[in-house]
Amino acid sequence: MSLDATSLRECLKKGGTLYRTGVEPAELRRAADSLKIAVFDVDCTRAKSKSAVLRAIANAVDFPEHFGGNLDALYDCLTDTVLEQDVGMVLALRGLHEDDPGLAEHAPAIAQVCEDTVEFARENGKVFAFILEKADGAAAPSALHPLD
């Protein structure tokens, strides 16, 4: 199920998990650009472990060299990046191998860091939205939330 452009913009304004199914990168970028929200698309197709996913995020978002490579550091860098944006940001993890043995136990924790960042952003007058898209192109089950 895909949302129309107006619905996508409304979801971006709220922040949080965006979708039940994937959002095309060009569609996401158009909607985010119209709201002046930064978009960070992260290619996770080759990342089969927590550390590989964190490196992919660090590279896509351009975290500082001293990024610690753990979930606490991910939260710290995401919240710093949100604060640097005029309005906020979208983090789209594409091709996430959530069911892979090296990542399965860590995927829920990565999703939780994103949820925590949503709350931080809201408390600071910013927007943080995210997509966790499985390697098969579907939204990751841990990322499924009904859209109100």
N, C-alpha and C. Protein backbone atom coordinates (compact mmCIF):
# COMPACT_ATOMS: atom_id res chain seq x y z
N MET A 1 0.85 -1.17 0.00
CA MET A 1 0.00 0.00 0.00
C MET A 1 0.89 1.24 0.00
N SER A 2 0.69 2.09 -0.92
CA SER A 2 1.46 3.32 -1.00
C SER A 2 0.56 4.50 -0.68
N LEU A 3 1.11 5.48 -0.03
CA LEU A 3 0.35 6.68 0.27
C LEU A 3 0.52 7.69 -0.84
N ASP A 4 -0.47 8.56 -0.98
CA ASP A 4 -0.30 9.64 -1.94
C ASP A 4 0.67 10.67 -1.36
N ALA A 5 1.09 11.60 -2.17
CA ALA A 5 2.11 12.57 -1.76
C ALA A 5 1.66 13.40 -0.55
N THR A 6 0.38 13.77 -0.50
CA THR A 6 -0.11 14.56 0.63
C THR A 6 -0.05 13.76 1.91
N SER A 7 -0.47 12.50 1.86
CA SER A 7 -0.43 11.63 3.04
C SER A 7 1.01 11.40 3.50
N LEU A 8 1.91 11.22 2.56
CA LEU A 8 3.32 11.03 2.90
C LEU A 8 3.86 12.26 3.62
N ARG A 9 3.55 13.44 3.12
CA ARG A 9 4.00 14.67 3.78
C ARG A 9 3.43 14.76 5.20
N GLU A 10 2.17 14.38 5.37
CA GLU A 10 1.57 14.40 6.71
C GLU A 10 2.29 13.43 7.64
N CYS A 11 2.64 12.25 7.14
CA CYS A 11 3.38 11.28 7.94
C CYS A 11 4.76 11.81 8.31
N LEU A 12 5.41 12.47 7.38
CA LEU A 12 6.73 13.04 7.65
C LEU A 12 6.65 14.11 8.73
N LYS A 13 5.61 14.91 8.70
CA LYS A 13 5.46 15.97 9.71
C LYS A 13 5.35 15.38 11.11
N LYS A 14 4.72 14.21 11.23
CA LYS A 14 4.53 13.56 12.53
C LYS A 14 5.79 12.86 13.01
N GLY A 15 6.58 12.35 12.06
CA GLY A 15 7.75 11.56 12.43
C GLY A 15 7.35 10.15 12.80
N GLY A 16 8.33 9.36 13.22
CA GLY A 16 8.08 7.96 13.58
C GLY A 16 8.28 7.06 12.39
N THR A 17 7.77 5.83 12.52
CA THR A 17 7.84 4.88 11.42
C THR A 17 6.88 5.32 10.34
N LEU A 18 7.35 5.35 9.10
CA LEU A 18 6.54 5.91 8.04
C LEU A 18 5.49 4.99 7.47
N TYR A 19 5.78 3.70 7.32
CA TYR A 19 4.97 2.88 6.44
C TYR A 19 4.84 1.45 6.84
N ARG A 20 3.81 0.84 6.29
CA ARG A 20 3.67 -0.61 6.34
C ARG A 20 4.48 -1.25 5.21
N THR A 21 4.63 -0.56 4.12
CA THR A 21 5.42 -1.06 3.00
C THR A 21 6.45 0.00 2.62
N GLY A 22 7.37 -0.37 1.78
CA GLY A 22 8.45 0.53 1.42
C GLY A 22 8.00 1.79 0.72
N VAL A 23 8.82 2.79 0.80
CA VAL A 23 8.60 4.07 0.14
C VAL A 23 9.70 4.21 -0.90
N GLU A 24 9.31 4.52 -2.11
CA GLU A 24 10.31 4.71 -3.17
C GLU A 24 11.20 5.90 -2.81
N PRO A 25 12.52 5.76 -3.00
CA PRO A 25 13.44 6.84 -2.64
C PRO A 25 13.09 8.19 -3.28
N ALA A 26 12.73 8.19 -4.57
CA ALA A 26 12.42 9.47 -5.24
C ALA A 26 11.16 10.10 -4.64
N GLU A 27 10.16 9.28 -4.34
CA GLU A 27 8.92 9.77 -3.74
C GLU A 27 9.19 10.35 -2.35
N LEU A 28 10.01 9.64 -1.58
CA LEU A 28 10.37 10.11 -0.24
C LEU A 28 11.13 11.43 -0.32
N ARG A 29 12.09 11.52 -1.23
CA ARG A 29 12.90 12.73 -1.35
C ARG A 29 12.04 13.93 -1.75
N ARG A 30 11.11 13.74 -2.68
CA ARG A 30 10.23 14.85 -3.09
C ARG A 30 9.41 15.36 -1.91
N ALA A 31 8.82 14.44 -1.18
CA ALA A 31 7.97 14.84 -0.04
C ALA A 31 8.81 15.52 1.04
N ALA A 32 9.97 14.94 1.35
CA ALA A 32 10.83 15.51 2.39
C ALA A 32 11.37 16.88 1.97
N ASP A 33 11.78 17.00 0.71
CA ASP A 33 12.29 18.28 0.22
C ASP A 33 11.23 19.38 0.35
N SER A 34 9.97 19.03 0.10
CA SER A 34 8.91 20.04 0.18
C SER A 34 8.73 20.54 1.62
N LEU A 35 9.17 19.74 2.59
CA LEU A 35 9.07 20.13 4.00
C LEU A 35 10.41 20.56 4.59
N LYS A 36 11.44 20.56 3.76
CA LYS A 36 12.80 20.91 4.19
C LYS A 36 13.34 19.94 5.25
N ILE A 37 12.99 18.66 5.06
CA ILE A 37 13.46 17.58 5.93
C ILE A 37 14.56 16.83 5.20
N ALA A 38 15.70 16.66 5.86
CA ALA A 38 16.83 15.96 5.26
C ALA A 38 16.51 14.46 5.16
N VAL A 39 16.99 13.84 4.09
CA VAL A 39 16.79 12.41 3.88
C VAL A 39 18.14 11.72 3.82
N PHE A 40 18.26 10.65 4.58
CA PHE A 40 19.47 9.83 4.56
C PHE A 40 19.05 8.41 4.19
N ASP A 41 19.33 8.03 2.94
CA ASP A 41 19.05 6.68 2.46
C ASP A 41 20.26 5.82 2.75
N VAL A 42 20.05 4.71 3.43
CA VAL A 42 21.14 3.83 3.84
C VAL A 42 20.99 2.50 3.14
N ASP A 43 21.98 2.14 2.33
CA ASP A 43 21.97 0.85 1.63
C ASP A 43 22.52 -0.21 2.58
N CYS A 44 21.64 -1.07 3.05
CA CYS A 44 22.02 -2.15 3.99
C CYS A 44 22.09 -3.50 3.29
N THR A 45 22.05 -3.53 1.97
CA THR A 45 21.98 -4.80 1.26
C THR A 45 23.19 -5.69 1.51
N ARG A 46 24.32 -5.11 1.79
CA ARG A 46 25.53 -5.90 2.04
C ARG A 46 25.84 -6.05 3.52
N ALA A 47 25.03 -5.46 4.37
CA ALA A 47 25.26 -5.47 5.82
C ALA A 47 24.55 -6.68 6.44
N LYS A 48 25.34 -7.63 6.92
CA LYS A 48 24.76 -8.86 7.48
C LYS A 48 24.98 -8.98 8.98
N SER A 49 25.42 -7.90 9.61
CA SER A 49 25.65 -7.91 11.06
C SER A 49 25.31 -6.53 11.62
N LYS A 50 25.18 -6.46 12.94
CA LYS A 50 24.89 -5.17 13.58
C LYS A 50 25.98 -4.16 13.25
N SER A 51 27.23 -4.56 13.37
CA SER A 51 28.32 -3.61 13.12
C SER A 51 28.32 -3.13 11.67
N ALA A 52 27.98 -4.01 10.74
CA ALA A 52 27.93 -3.61 9.33
C ALA A 52 26.78 -2.62 9.09
N VAL A 53 25.64 -2.84 9.73
CA VAL A 53 24.52 -1.90 9.60
C VAL A 53 24.91 -0.55 10.19
N LEU A 54 25.53 -0.57 11.36
CA LEU A 54 25.94 0.69 11.99
C LEU A 54 26.96 1.43 11.13
N ARG A 55 27.88 0.71 10.51
CA ARG A 55 28.84 1.36 9.59
C ARG A 55 28.12 1.97 8.39
N ALA A 56 27.14 1.24 7.85
CA ALA A 56 26.39 1.77 6.70
C ALA A 56 25.67 3.05 7.08
N ILE A 57 25.07 3.07 8.27
CA ILE A 57 24.39 4.29 8.74
C ILE A 57 25.41 5.41 8.93
N ALA A 58 26.51 5.09 9.59
CA ALA A 58 27.55 6.09 9.85
C ALA A 58 28.06 6.72 8.55
N ASN A 59 28.24 5.90 7.52
CA ASN A 59 28.72 6.41 6.23
C ASN A 59 27.66 7.26 5.54
N ALA A 60 26.42 6.81 5.56
CA ALA A 60 25.35 7.54 4.86
C ALA A 60 25.04 8.87 5.53
N VAL A 61 25.09 8.90 6.85
CA VAL A 61 24.74 10.12 7.58
C VAL A 61 25.97 10.98 7.82
N ASP A 62 27.13 10.43 7.55
CA ASP A 62 28.40 11.13 7.73
C ASP A 62 28.65 11.46 9.20
N PHE A 63 28.56 10.40 10.03
CA PHE A 63 28.87 10.56 11.44
C PHE A 63 30.34 10.90 11.60
N PRO A 64 30.71 11.49 12.73
CA PRO A 64 32.12 11.83 12.97
C PRO A 64 33.00 10.57 13.03
N GLU A 65 34.27 10.76 12.78
CA GLU A 65 35.21 9.63 12.78
C GLU A 65 35.24 8.91 14.12
N HIS A 66 34.93 9.59 15.18
CA HIS A 66 34.99 8.97 16.50
C HIS A 66 33.71 8.17 16.85
N PHE A 67 32.81 7.97 15.87
CA PHE A 67 31.59 7.19 16.09
C PHE A 67 31.98 5.85 16.70
N GLY A 68 31.37 5.52 17.83
CA GLY A 68 31.74 4.34 18.61
C GLY A 68 31.30 3.01 18.06
N GLY A 69 30.37 2.97 17.12
CA GLY A 69 29.97 1.71 16.53
C GLY A 69 29.13 0.84 17.44
N ASN A 70 28.42 1.46 18.39
CA ASN A 70 27.49 0.70 19.23
C ASN A 70 26.16 1.45 19.27
N LEU A 71 25.15 0.86 19.90
CA LEU A 71 23.82 1.46 19.87
C LEU A 71 23.74 2.77 20.63
N ASP A 72 24.50 2.91 21.70
CA ASP A 72 24.52 4.20 22.41
C ASP A 72 25.10 5.29 21.52
N ALA A 73 26.16 4.96 20.82
CA ALA A 73 26.78 5.93 19.90
C ALA A 73 25.84 6.24 18.74
N LEU A 74 25.09 5.24 18.27
CA LEU A 74 24.11 5.47 17.21
C LEU A 74 23.08 6.49 17.68
N TYR A 75 22.55 6.30 18.86
CA TYR A 75 21.57 7.24 19.41
C TYR A 75 22.17 8.64 19.53
N ASP A 76 23.36 8.73 20.09
CA ASP A 76 24.01 10.04 20.26
C ASP A 76 24.21 10.74 18.92
N CYS A 77 24.68 10.02 17.92
CA CYS A 77 24.94 10.64 16.62
C CYS A 77 23.64 10.98 15.89
N LEU A 78 22.62 10.12 16.00
CA LEU A 78 21.34 10.45 15.38
C LEU A 78 20.72 11.69 16.02
N THR A 79 20.77 11.77 17.33
CA THR A 79 20.17 12.94 17.99
C THR A 79 20.96 14.21 17.66
N ASP A 80 22.27 14.10 17.59
CA ASP A 80 23.07 15.27 17.19
C ASP A 80 22.72 15.69 15.77
N THR A 81 22.56 14.73 14.88
CA THR A 81 22.24 15.02 13.48
C THR A 81 20.85 15.65 13.37
N VAL A 82 19.89 15.15 14.13
CA VAL A 82 18.54 15.74 14.13
C VAL A 82 18.62 17.21 14.54
N LEU A 83 19.37 17.49 15.60
CA LEU A 83 19.47 18.87 16.08
C LEU A 83 20.14 19.80 15.07
N GLU A 84 21.01 19.25 14.23
CA GLU A 84 21.70 20.06 13.22
C GLU A 84 20.78 20.46 12.06
N GLN A 85 19.66 19.78 11.92
CA GLN A 85 18.75 20.03 10.80
C GLN A 85 17.78 21.15 11.14
N ASP A 86 17.38 21.91 10.13
CA ASP A 86 16.40 22.98 10.35
C ASP A 86 15.07 22.43 10.85
N VAL A 87 14.59 21.37 10.21
CA VAL A 87 13.28 20.80 10.54
C VAL A 87 13.43 19.41 11.15
N GLY A 88 14.23 18.60 10.53
CA GLY A 88 14.41 17.23 10.99
C GLY A 88 14.99 16.36 9.90
N MET A 89 14.83 15.04 10.08
CA MET A 89 15.45 14.11 9.13
C MET A 89 14.66 12.82 9.03
N VAL A 90 14.89 12.14 7.92
CA VAL A 90 14.36 10.80 7.67
C VAL A 90 15.55 9.88 7.49
N LEU A 91 15.52 8.74 8.15
CA LEU A 91 16.53 7.70 8.01
C LEU A 91 15.85 6.50 7.37
N ALA A 92 16.26 6.15 6.16
CA ALA A 92 15.65 5.01 5.45
C ALA A 92 16.70 3.91 5.32
N LEU A 93 16.51 2.85 6.10
CA LEU A 93 17.40 1.69 6.03
C LEU A 93 16.83 0.75 4.99
N ARG A 94 17.48 0.65 3.85
CA ARG A 94 17.00 -0.13 2.71
C ARG A 94 17.75 -1.45 2.62
N GLY A 95 17.00 -2.52 2.38
CA GLY A 95 17.63 -3.83 2.19
C GLY A 95 18.15 -4.43 3.48
N LEU A 96 17.45 -4.21 4.57
CA LEU A 96 17.88 -4.69 5.88
C LEU A 96 17.66 -6.21 5.99
N HIS A 97 18.71 -6.92 6.30
CA HIS A 97 18.66 -8.38 6.43
C HIS A 97 18.25 -8.75 7.86
N GLU A 98 17.05 -8.35 8.22
CA GLU A 98 16.55 -8.51 9.58
C GLU A 98 16.53 -9.97 10.05
N ASP A 99 16.33 -10.91 9.14
CA ASP A 99 16.23 -12.31 9.52
C ASP A 99 17.56 -13.05 9.44
N ASP A 100 18.61 -12.38 9.00
CA ASP A 100 19.92 -13.01 8.89
C ASP A 100 20.45 -13.34 10.29
N PRO A 101 21.07 -14.50 10.48
CA PRO A 101 21.53 -14.90 11.82
C PRO A 101 22.42 -13.86 12.52
N GLY A 102 23.23 -13.15 11.77
CA GLY A 102 24.12 -12.17 12.38
C GLY A 102 23.43 -10.87 12.76
N LEU A 103 22.19 -10.70 12.32
CA LEU A 103 21.48 -9.44 12.56
C LEU A 103 20.15 -9.62 13.28
N ALA A 104 19.58 -10.80 13.24
CA ALA A 104 18.22 -11.04 13.77
C ALA A 104 18.06 -10.57 15.21
N GLU A 105 19.01 -10.88 16.06
CA GLU A 105 18.85 -10.49 17.47
C GLU A 105 19.07 -8.99 17.71
N HIS A 106 19.69 -8.30 16.74
CA HIS A 106 20.01 -6.88 16.91
C HIS A 106 19.02 -5.94 16.23
N ALA A 107 18.27 -6.44 15.25
CA ALA A 107 17.34 -5.58 14.50
C ALA A 107 16.32 -4.89 15.41
N PRO A 108 15.72 -5.58 16.39
CA PRO A 108 14.78 -4.88 17.27
C PRO A 108 15.44 -3.75 18.07
N ALA A 109 16.69 -3.93 18.46
CA ALA A 109 17.39 -2.89 19.22
C ALA A 109 17.68 -1.68 18.33
N ILE A 110 18.01 -1.92 17.07
CA ILE A 110 18.23 -0.81 16.13
C ILE A 110 16.93 -0.05 15.93
N ALA A 111 15.81 -0.78 15.79
CA ALA A 111 14.50 -0.14 15.66
C ALA A 111 14.18 0.67 16.91
N GLN A 112 14.54 0.16 18.08
CA GLN A 112 14.27 0.88 19.34
C GLN A 112 15.06 2.17 19.42
N VAL A 113 16.31 2.15 18.96
CA VAL A 113 17.10 3.39 18.92
C VAL A 113 16.40 4.42 18.04
N CYS A 114 15.86 3.97 16.92
CA CYS A 114 15.13 4.89 16.04
C CYS A 114 13.89 5.43 16.75
N GLU A 115 13.15 4.57 17.45
CA GLU A 115 11.97 5.04 18.19
C GLU A 115 12.36 6.05 19.26
N ASP A 116 13.46 5.78 19.96
CA ASP A 116 13.94 6.70 20.99
C ASP A 116 14.33 8.05 20.37
N THR A 117 14.89 8.01 19.17
CA THR A 117 15.27 9.23 18.47
C THR A 117 14.04 10.02 18.06
N VAL A 118 12.97 9.33 17.71
CA VAL A 118 11.70 10.01 17.39
C VAL A 118 11.26 10.84 18.58
N GLU A 119 11.28 10.24 19.76
CA GLU A 119 10.85 10.95 20.97
C GLU A 119 11.78 12.12 21.29
N PHE A 120 13.08 11.91 21.16
CA PHE A 120 14.04 12.99 21.39
C PHE A 120 13.74 14.16 20.45
N ALA A 121 13.53 13.84 19.17
CA ALA A 121 13.27 14.89 18.18
C ALA A 121 12.02 15.68 18.56
N ARG A 122 10.96 14.98 18.92
CA ARG A 122 9.71 15.66 19.30
C ARG A 122 9.92 16.57 20.50
N GLU A 123 10.66 16.08 21.49
CA GLU A 123 10.92 16.88 22.69
C GLU A 123 11.74 18.14 22.38
N ASN A 124 12.44 18.12 21.26
CA ASN A 124 13.31 19.24 20.89
C ASN A 124 12.79 20.01 19.69
N GLY A 125 11.51 19.85 19.36
CA GLY A 125 10.90 20.61 18.28
C GLY A 125 11.36 20.23 16.90
N LYS A 126 11.83 19.01 16.73
CA LYS A 126 12.30 18.53 15.43
C LYS A 126 11.49 17.30 15.02
N VAL A 127 11.75 16.81 13.82
CA VAL A 127 11.09 15.63 13.30
C VAL A 127 12.14 14.58 12.98
N PHE A 128 11.88 13.34 13.41
CA PHE A 128 12.69 12.20 13.00
C PHE A 128 11.73 11.11 12.55
N ALA A 129 11.89 10.69 11.30
CA ALA A 129 11.09 9.60 10.75
C ALA A 129 12.06 8.54 10.24
N PHE A 130 11.59 7.30 10.19
CA PHE A 130 12.47 6.25 9.70
C PHE A 130 11.69 5.13 9.01
N ILE A 131 12.42 4.45 8.14
CA ILE A 131 11.92 3.29 7.41
C ILE A 131 12.90 2.16 7.65
N LEU A 132 12.40 1.01 8.02
CA LEU A 132 13.23 -0.20 8.10
C LEU A 132 12.68 -1.15 7.05
N GLU A 133 13.35 -1.19 5.91
CA GLU A 133 12.87 -1.97 4.78
C GLU A 133 13.68 -3.25 4.66
N LYS A 134 13.00 -4.38 4.73
CA LYS A 134 13.67 -5.67 4.65
C LYS A 134 14.34 -5.86 3.29
N ALA A 135 15.26 -6.78 3.25
CA ALA A 135 16.01 -7.05 2.02
C ALA A 135 15.09 -7.42 0.86
N ASP A 136 13.93 -8.01 1.14
CA ASP A 136 13.01 -8.37 0.06
C ASP A 136 12.14 -7.19 -0.38
N GLY A 137 12.36 -6.01 0.21
CA GLY A 137 11.62 -4.81 -0.18
C GLY A 137 10.41 -4.51 0.67
N ALA A 138 10.05 -5.44 1.58
CA ALA A 138 8.91 -5.20 2.45
C ALA A 138 9.36 -4.43 3.68
N ALA A 139 8.42 -3.79 4.32
CA ALA A 139 8.75 -3.12 5.57
C ALA A 139 9.04 -4.18 6.62
N ALA A 140 10.04 -3.94 7.43
CA ALA A 140 10.39 -4.89 8.47
C ALA A 140 9.27 -4.97 9.49
N PRO A 141 8.89 -6.18 9.94
CA PRO A 141 7.79 -6.30 10.90
C PRO A 141 7.97 -5.46 12.14
N SER A 142 9.19 -5.31 12.62
CA SER A 142 9.40 -4.49 13.81
C SER A 142 9.09 -3.02 13.56
N ALA A 143 9.00 -2.65 12.30
CA ALA A 143 8.74 -1.24 11.96
C ALA A 143 7.28 -0.97 11.66
N LEU A 144 6.43 -1.99 11.74
CA LEU A 144 5.04 -1.80 11.37
C LEU A 144 4.26 -1.14 12.47
N HIS A 145 3.70 -0.01 12.16
CA HIS A 145 2.84 0.71 13.09
C HIS A 145 1.65 1.21 12.28
N PRO A 146 0.46 1.14 12.81
CA PRO A 146 -0.68 1.69 12.06
C PRO A 146 -0.51 3.19 11.92
N LEU A 147 -0.91 3.69 10.78
CA LEU A 147 -0.87 5.13 10.56
C LEU A 147 -2.22 5.69 10.94
N ASP A 148 -2.22 6.68 11.78
CA ASP A 148 -3.48 7.31 12.20
C ASP A 148 -3.82 8.45 11.27
